[in-house]
Amino acid sequence: MGKKSKAKKKKGGGGGKVCASHILVKKHSQALEIISRIREGEDFAALCKQYSDCSSKKRGGNLGCFGRGEMVKEFEKAVYALNIGAMTTDPVKTEFGYHIIKRTG
């Protein structure tokens, strides 16, 4: 009893709030290099603090939690498609640059 709703929240594509961190860079090639380094075991937050152009880098890229309509559409589409704990495998291009997005909640 009461456990059905929890499974839904962990799957990507939901309509509720999500939590995410990101690394923002200007060049697609730099974003690809950072993705590769994270896949090889380097720390997301450490690479964010070193390379990100966003002020969130002070918090390891943590953007907190947000709902639909609060981020630019390309970013929103990518983050809602991720499962919790997953990271984008390709950089997400927006008007701000290229994002590497990790869904944290």
Protein backbone atom coordinates (compact mmCIF):
# COMPACT_ATOMS: atom_id res chain seq x y z
CA MET A 1 0.00 0.00 0.00
CA GLY A 2 1.24 3.44 -0.92
CA LYS A 3 4.42 2.31 -2.70
CA LYS A 4 3.20 2.59 -6.30
CA SER A 5 3.87 6.32 -6.69
CA LYS A 6 7.57 6.16 -5.73
CA ALA A 7 8.57 4.13 -8.81
CA LYS A 8 7.10 6.74 -11.15
CA LYS A 9 9.21 9.58 -9.75
CA LYS A 10 12.53 7.89 -10.57
CA LYS A 11 11.82 7.43 -14.28
CA GLY A 12 12.74 10.15 -16.78
CA GLY A 13 10.06 12.11 -18.62
CA GLY A 14 7.82 12.90 -15.64
CA GLY A 15 6.01 16.17 -15.23
CA GLY A 16 7.04 17.02 -11.66
CA LYS A 17 10.14 18.78 -10.42
CA VAL A 18 13.61 17.50 -11.27
CA CYS A 19 16.99 18.30 -9.75
CA ALA A 20 20.12 18.65 -11.85
CA SER A 21 23.72 19.75 -12.07
CA HIS A 22 25.46 20.91 -15.23
CA ILE A 23 28.72 21.99 -16.75
CA LEU A 24 28.46 24.83 -19.28
CA VAL A 25 31.17 25.47 -21.87
CA LYS A 26 31.35 27.47 -25.09
CA LYS A 27 32.79 24.79 -27.42
CA HIS A 28 31.21 21.49 -28.46
CA SER A 29 34.65 19.85 -28.62
CA GLN A 30 35.41 20.87 -25.02
CA ALA A 31 32.07 19.46 -23.85
CA LEU A 32 32.84 16.14 -25.58
CA GLU A 33 36.24 16.00 -23.90
CA ILE A 34 34.71 16.62 -20.45
CA ILE A 35 32.06 13.93 -21.04
CA SER A 36 34.84 11.50 -21.94
CA ARG A 37 36.80 12.38 -18.79
CA ILE A 38 33.73 11.86 -16.58
CA ARG A 39 33.09 8.48 -18.22
CA GLU A 40 36.70 7.53 -17.45
CA GLY A 41 36.07 8.20 -13.77
CA GLU A 42 36.90 11.87 -13.19
CA ASP A 43 34.63 13.76 -10.80
CA PHE A 44 31.74 15.75 -12.33
CA ALA A 45 31.84 18.47 -9.65
CA ALA A 46 35.62 18.88 -9.85
CA LEU A 47 35.54 19.24 -13.64
CA CYS A 48 32.65 21.68 -13.30
CA LYS A 49 34.60 23.88 -10.91
CA GLN A 50 37.53 23.85 -13.32
CA TYR A 51 35.78 24.41 -16.66
CA SER A 52 32.17 25.63 -16.34
CA ASP A 53 31.19 29.12 -17.48
CA CYS A 54 28.16 29.15 -15.16
CA SER A 55 28.19 30.66 -11.67
CA SER A 56 26.78 27.33 -10.43
CA LYS A 57 30.32 25.96 -10.72
CA LYS A 58 30.92 27.14 -7.15
CA ARG A 59 28.37 24.47 -6.13
CA GLY A 60 29.77 21.78 -8.44
CA GLY A 61 27.19 22.73 -11.05
CA ASN A 62 24.21 22.14 -8.76
CA LEU A 63 21.17 23.98 -10.10
CA GLY A 64 18.82 22.69 -7.42
CA CYS A 65 15.30 21.53 -8.29
CA PHE A 66 12.96 23.09 -10.83
CA GLY A 67 9.77 22.41 -12.74
CA ARG A 68 8.75 22.59 -16.37
CA GLY A 69 9.02 26.03 -17.94
CA GLU A 70 11.83 27.22 -15.67
CA MET A 71 14.75 26.35 -17.99
CA VAL A 72 15.31 26.89 -21.70
CA LYS A 73 13.49 24.26 -23.75
CA GLU A 74 16.56 22.33 -24.98
CA PHE A 75 17.87 21.97 -21.42
CA GLU A 76 14.44 21.03 -20.06
CA LYS A 77 13.87 18.38 -22.73
CA ALA A 78 17.25 16.77 -22.00
CA VAL A 79 16.97 16.74 -18.20
CA TYR A 80 13.44 15.30 -18.16
CA ALA A 81 14.58 12.51 -20.51
CA LEU A 82 17.28 11.38 -18.05
CA ASN A 83 16.83 8.89 -15.24
CA ILE A 84 18.04 9.99 -11.81
CA GLY A 85 21.82 9.63 -11.63
CA ALA A 86 22.24 9.65 -15.42
CA MET A 87 24.20 12.19 -17.46
CA THR A 88 23.75 13.36 -21.04
CA THR A 89 25.97 11.43 -23.45
CA ASP A 90 26.04 14.31 -25.94
CA PRO A 91 26.38 18.03 -25.19
CA VAL A 92 23.08 19.92 -25.14
CA LYS A 93 23.26 23.15 -27.15
CA THR A 94 21.35 26.20 -25.92
CA GLU A 95 21.72 29.94 -26.40
CA PHE A 96 24.21 29.88 -23.49
CA GLY A 97 26.58 27.28 -24.91
CA TYR A 98 26.98 23.52 -24.49
CA HIS A 99 25.72 21.78 -21.36
CA ILE A 100 26.67 18.47 -19.82
CA ILE A 101 23.66 17.68 -17.66
CA LYS A 102 23.42 15.26 -14.75
CA ARG A 103 20.01 14.56 -13.26
CA THR A 104 20.35 14.36 -9.50
CA GLY A 105 16.72 14.04 -8.47
